[in-house]
Amino acid sequence: MAKANGRNEARDREQDRRRTILRAAIEVFAKKGYHGCRIADVAKEAGVAYGLVYHYFRNKEELLQLVFETGWGGFLTRIRDAAEMNASLEAKIQRIAQVAFEAYRIDPRGVRVLVLEFARSPSAGEANRRTAFAEVLGILTRMFEKARARGELRDGLEPALCAAMLFGSVEMSLTGFVMGLLDPRDPGLLSQAQSQLTTLLLDGARADESAERRRRPERARLKPVRRT
């Protein structure tokens, strides 16, 4: 029993060190960029010996890949949950925008690394980027397809294009804050960006109410009963 507890404690310590180094890598990537980052910088940020970083990670390429897998994996799970929840298209789009801007409020440096170092940097690898983007676009396309089947999507709109435009709007809005083109210190602006993105998407995607009414089968109208 004591040996088992000792093994568990050792494993927990290993996982804690690994998480500490990954978090340090996010901080350094966000400050210096991937190409400006050195393993020594990560070790210093994490407060560990230089060699210990190499005990857990082969190189900074592996660090960037694992930073992406951790950050993107959590983001993708929340996007999928929003897209597949039992709610209207309007509520789903509002939730997706909330997930994106909430991620930036909670962890701006993590989002910076995802947006600048993974989404745009050649160091992330074209294959990884293509797979990641294809996955999120697939989730959003299915969301819009279901909305079209329910008559929630405006006639003539292609679900795959709607998905690309929604994802692109989210990514470019976050890029504006990450690059300082929009003031990230203004919490009101973040809230406005979330609201405005949602409004713009919904005003263009939402089915016309009159058209939706025309698609609904009319109920039989009862003749009024004359009282005698």
Protein backbone atom coordinates (compact mmCIF):
# COMPACT_ATOMS: atom_id res chain seq x y z
CA MET A 1 0.00 0.00 0.00
CA ALA A 2 2.81 2.39 0.95
CA LYS A 3 4.66 1.57 -2.29
CA ALA A 4 1.52 2.25 -4.33
CA ASN A 5 1.03 5.61 -2.61
CA GLY A 6 4.67 6.46 -3.25
CA ARG A 7 4.30 5.64 -6.94
CA ASN A 8 1.15 7.77 -7.17
CA GLU A 9 2.88 10.71 -5.50
CA ALA A 10 5.87 10.39 -7.82
CA ARG A 11 3.56 10.29 -10.84
CA ASP A 12 1.69 13.36 -9.61
CA ARG A 13 4.98 15.23 -9.18
CA GLU A 14 6.00 14.29 -12.71
CA GLN A 15 2.69 15.54 -14.11
CA ASP A 16 2.93 18.78 -12.11
CA ARG A 17 6.44 19.46 -13.45
CA ARG A 18 5.32 18.72 -16.99
CA ARG A 19 2.35 21.11 -16.64
CA THR A 20 4.62 23.78 -15.13
CA ILE A 21 7.01 23.55 -18.08
CA LEU A 22 4.16 23.65 -20.60
CA ARG A 23 2.71 26.74 -18.93
CA ALA A 24 6.15 28.35 -18.96
CA ALA A 25 6.44 27.57 -22.67
CA ILE A 26 3.14 29.35 -23.32
CA GLU A 27 4.41 32.43 -21.48
CA VAL A 28 7.69 32.48 -23.40
CA PHE A 29 6.09 31.77 -26.80
CA ALA A 30 3.62 34.60 -26.15
CA LYS A 31 6.40 37.06 -25.20
CA LYS A 32 9.14 36.12 -27.67
CA GLY A 33 7.45 34.10 -30.37
CA TYR A 34 8.41 30.59 -31.37
CA HIS A 35 11.60 31.57 -33.22
CA GLY A 36 12.77 33.89 -30.46
CA CYS A 37 12.22 31.28 -27.76
CA ARG A 38 15.05 29.15 -26.35
CA ILE A 39 14.77 26.13 -24.09
CA ALA A 40 16.81 28.07 -21.54
CA ASP A 41 14.07 30.73 -21.52
CA VAL A 42 11.43 28.09 -20.80
CA ALA A 43 13.53 26.59 -18.00
CA LYS A 44 14.03 30.00 -16.40
CA GLU A 45 10.30 30.83 -16.64
CA ALA A 46 9.41 27.44 -15.12
CA GLY A 47 12.04 27.74 -12.38
CA VAL A 48 13.62 24.41 -13.25
CA ALA A 49 17.04 23.25 -14.41
CA TYR A 50 17.81 23.53 -18.12
CA GLY A 51 18.28 19.79 -18.48
CA LEU A 52 14.95 18.99 -16.84
CA VAL A 53 13.06 20.47 -19.79
CA TYR A 54 14.77 17.95 -22.06
CA HIS A 55 13.83 15.18 -19.64
CA TYR A 56 10.17 15.80 -20.51
CA PHE A 57 10.35 17.25 -24.03
CA ARG A 58 12.68 16.52 -26.95
CA ASN A 59 12.83 20.10 -28.27
CA LYS A 60 10.82 23.30 -28.60
CA GLU A 61 8.95 21.89 -31.63
CA GLU A 62 7.46 19.24 -29.36
CA LEU A 63 6.68 21.91 -26.77
CA LEU A 64 4.76 23.97 -29.33
CA GLN A 65 2.88 20.89 -30.54
CA LEU A 66 1.83 19.93 -27.00
CA VAL A 67 0.87 23.52 -26.16
CA PHE A 68 -1.37 23.42 -29.21
CA GLU A 69 -2.86 20.01 -28.42
CA THR A 70 -3.70 21.11 -24.88
CA GLY A 71 -5.11 24.52 -25.75
CA TRP A 72 -6.83 23.64 -28.99
CA GLY A 73 -8.22 20.39 -27.61
CA GLY A 74 -10.03 22.20 -24.79
CA PHE A 75 -11.28 24.92 -27.14
CA LEU A 76 -12.55 22.37 -29.67
CA THR A 77 -14.42 20.43 -26.98
CA ARG A 78 -16.25 23.57 -25.86
CA ILE A 79 -17.07 24.53 -29.47
CA ARG A 80 -18.44 21.03 -30.11
CA ASP A 81 -20.54 21.16 -26.94
CA ALA A 82 -21.99 24.52 -28.04
CA ALA A 83 -22.69 23.39 -31.61
CA GLU A 84 -24.38 20.17 -30.51
CA MET A 85 -26.44 21.47 -27.60
CA ASN A 86 -30.21 21.18 -27.76
CA ALA A 87 -30.95 24.79 -28.63
CA SER A 88 -31.72 27.15 -31.49
CA LEU A 89 -29.13 28.26 -34.05
CA GLU A 90 -29.16 31.70 -32.44
CA ALA A 91 -28.33 30.28 -29.00
CA LYS A 92 -25.58 28.09 -30.46
CA ILE A 93 -23.87 30.97 -32.27
CA GLN A 94 -24.10 33.12 -29.15
CA ARG A 95 -22.51 30.34 -27.10
CA ILE A 96 -19.71 29.80 -29.64
CA ALA A 97 -18.85 33.51 -29.56
CA GLN A 98 -18.94 33.41 -25.76
CA VAL A 99 -16.57 30.41 -25.68
CA ALA A 100 -14.06 32.20 -27.95
CA PHE A 101 -13.97 35.52 -26.13
CA GLU A 102 -14.13 33.87 -22.72
CA ALA A 103 -10.99 31.91 -23.65
CA TYR A 104 -9.22 35.18 -24.38
CA ARG A 105 -10.40 36.80 -21.13
CA ILE A 106 -9.18 33.83 -19.08
CA ASP A 107 -5.92 33.08 -20.88
CA PRO A 108 -4.87 35.85 -23.31
CA ARG A 109 -1.31 34.50 -23.66
CA GLY A 110 -2.56 31.00 -24.47
CA VAL A 111 -4.87 32.39 -27.15
CA ARG A 112 -2.02 34.52 -28.50
CA VAL A 113 0.12 31.42 -29.01
CA LEU A 114 -2.74 29.56 -30.72
CA VAL A 115 -3.56 32.48 -33.03
CA LEU A 116 -0.08 33.69 -33.96
CA GLU A 117 2.24 30.72 -33.47
CA PHE A 118 -0.05 27.89 -34.54
CA ALA A 119 -2.61 29.38 -36.89
CA ARG A 120 -0.11 31.49 -38.86
CA SER A 121 3.43 30.32 -38.17
CA PRO A 122 5.12 27.84 -40.57
CA SER A 123 6.69 26.19 -37.53
CA ALA A 124 3.33 24.64 -36.58
CA GLY A 125 3.21 22.50 -39.71
CA GLU A 126 0.71 22.74 -42.54
CA ALA A 127 -0.64 19.21 -41.95
CA ASN A 128 -1.42 19.89 -38.28
CA ARG A 129 -3.06 23.19 -39.09
CA ARG A 130 -5.16 21.71 -41.90
CA THR A 131 -6.37 18.84 -39.69
CA ALA A 132 -7.27 21.17 -36.83
CA PHE A 133 -9.15 23.64 -39.02
CA ALA A 134 -10.94 20.85 -40.90
CA GLU A 135 -12.20 19.44 -37.60
CA VAL A 136 -13.69 22.70 -36.33
CA LEU A 137 -15.17 23.54 -39.74
CA GLY A 138 -16.76 20.09 -39.86
CA ILE A 139 -18.42 20.66 -36.48
CA LEU A 140 -19.77 24.06 -37.54
CA THR A 141 -20.91 22.82 -40.95
CA ARG A 142 -22.99 20.08 -39.34
CA MET A 143 -24.49 22.68 -37.00
CA PHE A 144 -25.61 24.82 -39.95
CA GLU A 145 -26.88 21.76 -41.87
CA LYS A 146 -29.14 20.84 -38.96
CA ALA A 147 -30.32 24.44 -38.73
CA ARG A 148 -31.18 24.38 -42.44
CA ALA A 149 -33.13 21.13 -41.99
CA ARG A 150 -35.12 22.79 -39.20
CA GLY A 151 -35.84 25.86 -41.33
CA GLU A 152 -33.65 28.14 -39.17
CA LEU A 153 -31.18 29.01 -41.92
CA ARG A 154 -31.96 31.53 -44.63
CA ASP A 155 -32.73 30.02 -48.05
CA GLY A 156 -29.79 29.82 -50.43
CA LEU A 157 -27.04 29.79 -47.80
CA GLU A 158 -24.41 27.05 -48.00
CA PRO A 159 -23.69 25.52 -44.53
CA ALA A 160 -19.97 24.96 -45.25
CA LEU A 161 -19.53 28.63 -46.21
CA CYS A 162 -21.49 29.72 -43.13
CA ALA A 163 -19.12 27.61 -41.02
CA ALA A 164 -16.03 29.14 -42.62
CA MET A 165 -17.38 32.66 -42.15
CA LEU A 166 -18.26 32.06 -38.50
CA PHE A 167 -14.85 30.57 -37.72
CA GLY A 168 -13.07 33.25 -39.73
CA SER A 169 -14.94 36.03 -37.92
CA VAL A 170 -14.03 34.56 -34.53
CA GLU A 171 -10.37 34.08 -35.48
CA MET A 172 -9.92 37.55 -36.99
CA SER A 173 -11.69 39.23 -34.06
CA LEU A 174 -9.34 37.50 -31.63
CA THR A 175 -6.38 38.40 -33.86
CA GLY A 176 -7.32 42.07 -33.55
CA PHE A 177 -7.04 41.85 -29.75
CA VAL A 178 -3.95 39.62 -29.78
CA MET A 179 -2.04 42.02 -32.06
CA GLY A 180 -3.17 45.11 -30.17
CA LEU A 181 -5.20 46.50 -33.08
CA LEU A 182 -8.13 46.41 -30.67
CA ASP A 183 -7.47 47.40 -27.06
CA PRO A 184 -7.44 44.16 -25.01
CA ARG A 185 -7.41 46.16 -21.76
CA ASP A 186 -10.92 47.43 -22.45
CA PRO A 187 -13.32 44.79 -21.05
CA GLY A 188 -16.26 46.63 -22.57
CA LEU A 189 -14.74 46.26 -26.03
CA LEU A 190 -14.38 42.50 -25.58
CA SER A 191 -18.05 42.23 -24.63
CA GLN A 192 -19.04 44.43 -27.55
CA ALA A 193 -16.97 42.31 -29.96
CA GLN A 194 -18.73 39.17 -28.76
CA SER A 195 -22.16 40.76 -29.10
CA GLN A 196 -21.44 42.42 -32.44
CA LEU A 197 -20.02 39.29 -34.01
CA THR A 198 -23.11 37.35 -32.95
CA THR A 199 -25.48 40.02 -34.28
CA LEU A 200 -23.71 40.27 -37.66
CA LEU A 201 -23.74 36.50 -38.15
CA LEU A 202 -27.34 36.06 -37.08
CA ASP A 203 -28.71 38.94 -39.14
CA GLY A 204 -27.19 37.33 -42.21
CA ALA A 205 -27.94 33.68 -41.41
CA ARG A 206 -31.31 33.71 -39.69
CA ALA A 207 -34.22 32.55 -41.84
CA ASP A 208 -36.71 35.20 -42.88
CA GLU A 209 -39.72 34.89 -40.60
CA SER A 210 -42.23 35.28 -43.41
CA ALA A 211 -40.47 32.56 -45.42
CA GLU A 212 -40.42 30.33 -42.37
CA ARG A 213 -44.15 30.86 -41.89
CA ARG A 214 -44.76 29.93 -45.54
CA ARG A 215 -42.96 26.63 -45.01
CA ARG A 216 -45.08 25.74 -42.00
CA PRO A 217 -48.21 23.71 -42.76
CA GLU A 218 -51.27 25.78 -42.12
CA ARG A 219 -53.58 24.60 -39.42
CA ALA A 220 -57.16 23.97 -40.38
CA ARG A 221 -59.23 26.98 -39.48
CA LEU A 222 -62.37 26.28 -37.48
CA LYS A 223 -65.48 28.07 -38.55
CA PRO A 224 -66.98 30.17 -35.80
CA VAL A 225 -70.00 28.57 -34.16
CA ARG A 226 -73.07 30.74 -34.29
CA ARG A 227 -74.93 30.96 -31.04
CA THR A 228 -78.70 30.71 -31.29
